[in-house]
Amino acid sequence: MGSDVTLKHIADALGVSAMTVSRALNNRSNVDEETREKVLEKAQSMGYTPNHVAKSLVSSKTYTIGVVIPEITHAFFPEVVRGIEEVTNNSDYQLFLTNTNEQFDREKNAIKTLRSKRVDGLLISSSQTEDDVSYYKSLVDSGTKVVFFDRCIEGIGASTVSVNDRESSLKITEHLINKHGYTKIAHLGGPHVSIGQKRLEGYLEALEKYDLPINDKWIIVGGFQEEAGYDAMEKLLDLPTEEFPEAVVSVNDPSAIGAVKAIEEAGLSIPDDIAIVGFTDDIRAPLLDVPLTTVHQPAYEVGKRAAQKLIRTIERDSETVENIVVPTTLKIRSSCGC
């Protein structure tokens, strides 16, 4: 029967009402567990396929969610999407995935396209590099259900899911200071998005906490890719030798990996000449010649929590706006001197 199977067919086969079958398939609470299991088993054996078109006509929902990510070349965002998919698959939602390639204009076009498909909500990791967040404010004010994740826009009436970026950056910088006694510490920063700003703030907070010098020459604003880390590290290595930092805190692991290449090409040793730490726990971090000390960012959990929050926001008018923070852990390896 396959796609021709209806709720009534399942109901007749089990000797129950079509309403009971509907409640069981939609995971309603007013069906006992034994009946639910029988309905699910019979639906599967008969090849039942939900009619999303009919369902959307009744509920005014499309059971689709748009996901907007800034890049897909590194392991973090694919892992986030896996976490999102676990939740949406279990909740009978489908995904439209878009990649903006770190370009705000492409992000706006992607959001426009997703809204034209009448998605029920949006999960957005922003590529925005400007202080003006009016575009996102107007999006939320229009009634679009939005949850930001990782690179978040805060304070505009939408929920966010992120890690404790500032605190994590503070802790890994403190590790360099307390464990190894480094006093000359540089920072390879990212663009003006939330994670870049907060990780810079954590680094600066650590230096101020231990009364260490903040040297503008040691703060290089670059990007999140390997090339940006390489170029930023080259600028540090162009300084006179006596002005070299002892250690470097990089905004993320791809940037740190680029910096490692620049250090090695300069004939210097990690960590003997310059120690380096990252942020993300990229799949390559433990595989480098000198394994990279970093902050483990639980991408899969970020994706799950973001999807759960968005679905609750879609389905509950009373759902509150939250800033959800997923904790991180330090991954101590050889690149810092341990």
Protein backbone atom coordinates (compact mmCIF):
# COMPACT_ATOMS: atom_id res chain seq x y z
CA MET A 1 0.00 0.00 0.00
CA GLY A 2 2.89 2.36 0.83
CA SER A 3 2.08 6.02 0.33
CA ASP A 4 -1.67 5.20 -0.10
CA VAL A 5 -1.94 4.10 3.54
CA THR A 6 -4.12 6.45 5.59
CA LEU A 7 -4.79 6.83 9.29
CA LYS A 8 -8.09 5.00 8.76
CA HIS A 9 -6.29 1.98 7.26
CA ILE A 10 -4.09 1.74 10.36
CA ALA A 11 -7.07 2.29 12.65
CA ASP A 12 -9.10 -0.46 10.96
CA ALA A 13 -6.17 -2.88 11.16
CA LEU A 14 -5.86 -2.29 14.90
CA GLY A 15 -9.53 -1.90 15.75
CA VAL A 16 -9.10 1.62 17.15
CA SER A 17 -10.27 5.07 16.06
CA ALA A 18 -8.44 7.20 13.48
CA MET A 19 -8.18 9.90 16.17
CA THR A 20 -6.27 7.48 18.43
CA VAL A 21 -3.88 6.69 15.57
CA SER A 22 -3.36 10.41 14.92
CA ARG A 23 -2.63 11.10 18.58
CA ALA A 24 -0.15 8.22 18.77
CA LEU A 25 1.72 9.23 15.61
CA ASN A 26 1.92 12.85 16.80
CA ASN A 27 3.23 11.78 20.23
CA ARG A 28 0.28 13.23 22.16
CA SER A 29 0.14 12.59 25.88
CA ASN A 30 -3.45 11.26 25.93
CA VAL A 31 -2.49 7.86 24.44
CA ASP A 32 -1.16 5.06 26.61
CA GLU A 33 2.30 3.73 25.80
CA GLU A 34 1.15 0.24 24.79
CA THR A 35 -1.28 1.64 22.23
CA ARG A 36 1.33 4.10 20.93
CA GLU A 37 3.82 1.30 20.33
CA LYS A 38 1.21 -0.82 18.51
CA VAL A 39 0.28 2.12 16.27
CA LEU A 40 3.89 2.95 15.45
CA GLU A 41 4.70 -0.68 14.69
CA LYS A 42 1.63 -1.12 12.46
CA ALA A 43 2.27 2.18 10.64
CA GLN A 44 5.83 1.10 9.88
CA SER A 45 4.84 -2.40 8.73
CA MET A 46 2.14 -0.95 6.43
CA GLY A 47 4.56 1.62 4.95
CA TYR A 48 2.65 4.66 6.20
CA THR A 49 4.07 8.03 5.08
CA PRO A 50 2.80 11.22 6.79
CA ASN A 51 1.02 13.67 4.47
CA HIS A 52 2.89 16.88 5.28
CA VAL A 53 0.83 18.91 2.85
CA ALA A 54 -2.42 17.99 4.56
CA LYS A 55 -0.81 18.42 7.95
CA SER A 56 0.43 21.90 7.06
CA LEU A 57 -3.01 22.95 5.78
CA VAL A 58 -4.52 22.05 9.14
CA SER A 59 -1.78 23.60 11.28
CA SER A 60 -0.61 26.48 9.02
CA LYS A 61 2.91 25.07 9.38
CA THR A 62 5.26 23.60 6.78
CA TYR A 63 7.29 21.50 9.22
CA THR A 64 10.49 22.89 7.71
CA ILE A 65 13.36 24.79 9.30
CA GLY A 66 15.99 26.91 7.56
CA VAL A 67 19.61 26.67 8.72
CA VAL A 68 22.07 29.46 7.85
CA ILE A 69 25.77 28.80 8.45
CA PRO A 70 28.75 31.00 7.50
CA GLU A 71 31.02 28.21 6.23
CA ILE A 72 31.16 24.45 5.88
CA THR A 73 34.84 23.76 5.15
CA HIS A 74 35.78 22.89 8.74
CA ALA A 75 34.47 20.27 11.11
CA PHE A 76 32.62 22.56 13.52
CA PHE A 77 29.55 23.49 11.46
CA PRO A 78 28.95 20.02 9.94
CA GLU A 79 28.97 18.68 13.50
CA VAL A 80 26.48 21.38 14.56
CA VAL A 81 24.22 20.37 11.67
CA ARG A 82 24.38 16.73 12.80
CA GLY A 83 23.12 17.82 16.20
CA ILE A 84 20.32 19.84 14.59
CA GLU A 85 19.32 16.89 12.43
CA GLU A 86 19.04 14.54 15.39
CA VAL A 87 16.40 16.79 16.91
CA THR A 88 14.51 17.68 13.73
CA ASN A 89 14.36 14.07 12.53
CA ASN A 90 12.83 13.02 15.82
CA SER A 91 10.37 15.92 15.69
CA ASP A 92 9.23 15.36 12.08
CA TYR A 93 10.79 18.58 10.73
CA GLN A 94 12.85 18.84 7.54
CA LEU A 95 15.87 21.10 7.00
CA PHE A 96 16.88 23.56 4.31
CA LEU A 97 20.64 24.14 4.75
CA THR A 98 22.39 27.22 3.33
CA ASN A 99 26.05 28.27 3.41
CA THR A 100 26.81 31.99 3.15
CA ASN A 101 30.58 31.68 2.68
CA GLU A 102 31.17 34.44 5.26
CA GLN A 103 29.31 37.01 3.12
CA PHE A 104 26.54 39.09 4.65
CA ASP A 105 24.84 39.78 1.29
CA ARG A 106 24.64 36.05 0.64
CA GLU A 107 23.25 35.58 4.13
CA LYS A 108 20.45 38.09 3.49
CA ASN A 109 19.62 36.40 0.16
CA ALA A 110 19.58 32.98 1.83
CA ILE A 111 17.21 34.20 4.54
CA LYS A 112 14.96 35.81 1.91
CA THR A 113 14.81 32.53 -0.02
CA LEU A 114 14.10 30.48 3.08
CA ARG A 115 11.30 32.81 4.15
CA SER A 116 9.80 32.57 0.64
CA LYS A 117 9.63 28.79 1.20
CA ARG A 118 7.56 29.54 4.32
CA VAL A 119 9.89 27.76 6.72
CA ASP A 120 8.51 27.67 10.26
CA GLY A 121 11.71 29.09 11.73
CA LEU A 122 15.37 29.92 11.18
CA LEU A 123 18.57 28.79 12.87
CA ILE A 124 21.24 31.39 12.09
CA SER A 125 24.98 31.57 12.73
CA SER A 126 25.74 35.08 11.55
CA SER A 127 28.42 36.23 9.13
CA GLN A 128 27.65 39.83 10.15
CA THR A 129 30.81 41.87 10.60
CA GLU A 130 29.27 45.26 11.31
CA ASP A 131 27.97 46.87 14.49
CA ASP A 132 24.61 47.58 12.84
CA VAL A 133 22.23 44.69 13.62
CA SER A 134 19.09 46.41 12.32
CA TYR A 135 18.59 43.77 9.62
CA TYR A 136 18.32 41.03 12.25
CA LYS A 137 16.16 43.22 14.48
CA SER A 138 13.68 43.79 11.66
CA LEU A 139 13.66 40.05 10.95
CA VAL A 140 12.74 39.21 14.53
CA ASP A 141 10.27 42.10 14.78
CA SER A 142 8.46 40.79 11.68
CA GLY A 143 7.44 37.72 13.67
CA THR A 144 9.91 35.28 12.12
CA LYS A 145 10.90 32.59 14.61
CA VAL A 146 14.68 32.82 14.97
CA VAL A 147 17.31 31.22 17.17
CA PHE A 148 20.94 32.28 16.77
CA PHE A 149 23.75 29.83 17.48
CA ASP A 150 27.54 30.11 17.87
CA ARG A 151 27.87 33.54 16.22
CA CYS A 152 24.95 35.20 17.94
CA ILE A 153 23.14 38.52 17.76
CA GLU A 154 22.03 39.28 21.29
CA GLY A 155 19.53 41.72 22.76
CA ILE A 156 17.06 41.85 19.85
CA GLY A 157 14.35 39.55 21.18
CA ALA A 158 15.63 36.21 19.86
CA SER A 159 17.08 33.27 21.78
CA THR A 160 20.75 32.34 21.42
CA VAL A 161 22.78 29.17 21.93
CA SER A 162 26.52 29.55 22.32
CA VAL A 163 29.48 28.42 24.38
CA ASN A 164 31.07 30.46 27.16
CA ASP A 165 33.49 32.15 24.74
CA ARG A 166 34.81 34.87 27.02
CA GLU A 167 35.25 32.58 30.04
CA SER A 168 36.90 29.87 27.91
CA SER A 169 39.35 32.33 26.39
CA LEU A 170 40.13 33.63 29.88
CA LYS A 171 40.78 30.10 31.15
CA ILE A 172 43.08 29.03 28.34
CA THR A 173 45.05 32.28 28.63
CA GLU A 174 45.26 31.73 32.40
CA HIS A 175 46.66 28.27 31.72
CA LEU A 176 49.54 29.83 29.79
CA ILE A 177 50.18 32.25 32.65
CA ASN A 178 49.72 30.00 35.69
CA LYS A 179 51.03 26.69 34.38
CA HIS A 180 53.93 27.96 32.28
CA GLY A 181 54.71 31.45 33.52
CA TYR A 182 54.38 33.16 30.14
CA THR A 183 54.11 36.92 30.43
CA LYS A 184 54.38 37.98 26.78
CA ILE A 185 51.21 36.63 25.20
CA ALA A 186 49.80 37.59 21.79
CA HIS A 187 46.32 37.15 20.35
CA LEU A 188 45.35 36.27 16.78
CA GLY A 189 41.81 37.64 16.65
CA GLY A 190 38.81 37.15 14.41
CA PRO A 191 36.38 39.49 12.66
CA HIS A 192 33.94 41.70 14.52
CA VAL A 193 31.38 39.00 15.30
CA SER A 194 30.30 37.80 18.72
CA ILE A 195 32.80 34.98 19.11
CA GLY A 196 35.73 37.11 17.94
CA GLN A 197 34.84 39.91 20.35
CA LYS A 198 34.23 37.68 23.36
CA ARG A 199 37.39 35.64 22.88
CA LEU A 200 39.41 38.84 22.64
CA GLU A 201 37.73 40.10 25.82
CA GLY A 202 38.63 36.88 27.67
CA TYR A 203 42.26 37.18 26.60
CA LEU A 204 42.42 40.83 27.71
CA GLU A 205 40.70 40.02 31.00
CA ALA A 206 43.36 37.42 31.79
CA LEU A 207 46.20 39.87 31.11
CA GLU A 208 44.57 42.53 33.26
CA LYS A 209 43.86 40.03 36.04
CA TYR A 210 47.56 39.16 36.31
CA ASP A 211 48.80 42.68 35.61
CA LEU A 212 50.56 41.68 32.40
CA PRO A 213 51.34 44.12 29.59
CA ILE A 214 48.80 44.61 26.79
CA ASN A 215 50.86 45.24 23.68
CA ASP A 216 48.90 46.47 20.67
CA LYS A 217 51.55 44.96 18.40
CA TRP A 218 50.64 41.52 19.77
CA ILE A 219 46.92 41.78 18.94
CA ILE A 220 46.41 40.98 15.25
CA VAL A 221 42.86 41.03 13.86
CA GLY A 222 42.55 38.47 11.08
CA GLY A 223 39.99 35.82 10.28
CA PHE A 224 38.76 32.33 11.06
CA GLN A 225 40.58 30.49 8.26
CA GLU A 226 44.09 29.00 8.02
CA GLU A 227 45.27 31.70 5.63
CA ALA A 228 44.25 34.42 8.08
CA GLY A 229 46.14 32.73 10.90
CA TYR A 230 49.20 32.32 8.73
CA ASP A 231 49.16 36.00 7.67
CA ALA A 232 48.57 37.21 11.25
CA MET A 233 51.45 35.10 12.57
CA GLU A 234 53.74 36.44 9.87
CA LYS A 235 53.04 39.97 11.14
CA LEU A 236 54.13 38.92 14.63
CA LEU A 237 57.26 37.29 13.21
CA ASP A 238 58.12 40.50 11.33
CA LEU A 239 58.71 42.16 14.71
CA PRO A 240 62.29 42.38 16.00
CA THR A 241 63.29 39.11 17.66
CA GLU A 242 63.45 40.72 21.08
CA GLU A 243 59.77 41.74 20.68
CA PHE A 244 58.47 38.24 19.89
CA PRO A 245 55.72 36.99 22.19
CA GLU A 246 56.38 33.85 24.22
CA ALA A 247 52.91 32.43 23.54
CA VAL A 248 49.96 32.97 21.20
CA VAL A 249 46.23 32.59 21.84
CA SER A 250 44.42 32.06 18.54
CA VAL A 251 40.72 32.78 18.00
CA ASN A 252 40.07 29.26 16.67
CA ASP A 253 41.91 26.12 15.61
CA PRO A 254 42.04 26.76 11.83
CA SER A 255 43.68 30.12 12.55
CA ALA A 256 46.08 28.41 14.97
CA ILE A 257 46.92 25.75 12.38
CA GLY A 258 47.81 28.48 9.89
CA ALA A 259 49.95 30.16 12.53
CA VAL A 260 51.74 26.86 13.25
CA LYS A 261 52.73 26.65 9.60
CA ALA A 262 54.16 30.19 9.67
CA ILE A 263 56.12 29.45 12.86
CA GLU A 264 57.59 26.26 11.42
CA GLU A 265 58.47 27.93 8.11
CA ALA A 266 60.36 30.57 10.10
CA GLY A 267 62.53 27.78 11.55
CA LEU A 268 61.12 28.20 15.05
CA SER A 269 60.08 25.44 17.43
CA ILE A 270 56.71 24.93 19.13
CA PRO A 271 56.51 25.31 22.12
CA ASP A 272 60.22 26.00 22.85
CA ASP A 273 60.38 29.26 20.88
CA ILE A 274 56.68 30.14 20.75
CA ALA A 275 53.81 28.29 22.43
CA ILE A 276 50.37 28.36 20.81
CA VAL A 277 46.79 27.45 21.77
CA GLY A 278 43.53 27.44 19.82
CA PHE A 279 39.77 27.23 20.28
CA THR A 280 37.32 24.63 18.84
CA ASP A 281 39.08 21.25 19.16
CA ASP A 282 39.23 20.77 15.40
CA ILE A 283 39.55 17.14 14.29
CA ARG A 284 43.12 17.94 13.19
CA ALA A 285 44.21 19.45 16.52
CA PRO A 286 45.51 16.24 18.15
CA LEU A 287 47.07 15.08 14.86
CA LEU A 288 49.56 17.93 14.34
CA ASP A 289 53.28 17.19 14.75
CA VAL A 290 52.97 19.10 18.01
CA PRO A 291 49.37 18.40 19.16
CA LEU A 292 47.41 21.59 19.71
CA THR A 293 46.18 22.67 23.13
CA THR A 294 42.70 24.08 22.63
CA VAL A 295 39.21 24.64 23.98
CA HIS A 296 36.80 21.81 23.20
CA GLN A 297 33.66 23.40 21.76
CA PRO A 298 30.78 20.85 21.87
CA ALA A 299 29.40 21.51 18.39
CA TYR A 300 26.95 18.61 18.36
CA GLU A 301 25.39 19.75 21.65
CA VAL A 302 25.15 23.36 20.40
CA GLY A 303 23.21 22.10 17.36
CA LYS A 304 20.87 19.98 19.49
CA ARG A 305 20.13 22.75 21.97
CA ALA A 306 19.53 25.30 19.19
CA ALA A 307 17.11 23.02 17.34
CA GLN A 308 15.25 22.13 20.54
CA LYS A 309 14.86 25.80 21.42
CA LEU A 310 13.64 26.75 17.95
CA ILE A 311 11.04 23.97 17.83
CA ARG A 312 9.73 25.01 21.26
CA THR A 313 9.60 28.61 20.01
CA ILE A 314 7.64 27.51 16.94
CA GLU A 315 5.20 25.32 18.84
CA ARG A 316 4.66 27.34 22.03
CA ASP A 317 3.43 30.92 22.01
CA SER A 318 4.56 31.28 25.61
CA GLU A 319 8.18 30.19 25.02
CA THR A 320 10.56 32.69 26.62
CA VAL A 321 13.66 34.23 25.06
CA GLU A 322 16.83 32.66 26.49
CA ASN A 323 20.58 32.99 26.13
CA ILE A 324 21.64 29.35 26.46
CA VAL A 325 25.31 28.69 27.24
CA VAL A 326 26.87 25.29 26.61
CA PRO A 327 30.02 24.72 28.72
CA THR A 328 33.42 23.97 27.22
CA THR A 329 36.48 22.06 28.44
CA LEU A 330 40.21 22.61 27.96
CA LYS A 331 42.10 20.04 25.91
CA ILE A 332 45.68 20.25 27.14
CA ARG A 333 48.26 18.97 24.67
CA SER A 334 51.90 19.69 23.78
CA SER A 335 51.71 23.00 21.92
CA CYS A 336 51.46 25.05 25.14
CA GLY A 337 54.49 23.34 26.72
CA CYS A 338 52.67 20.66 28.71
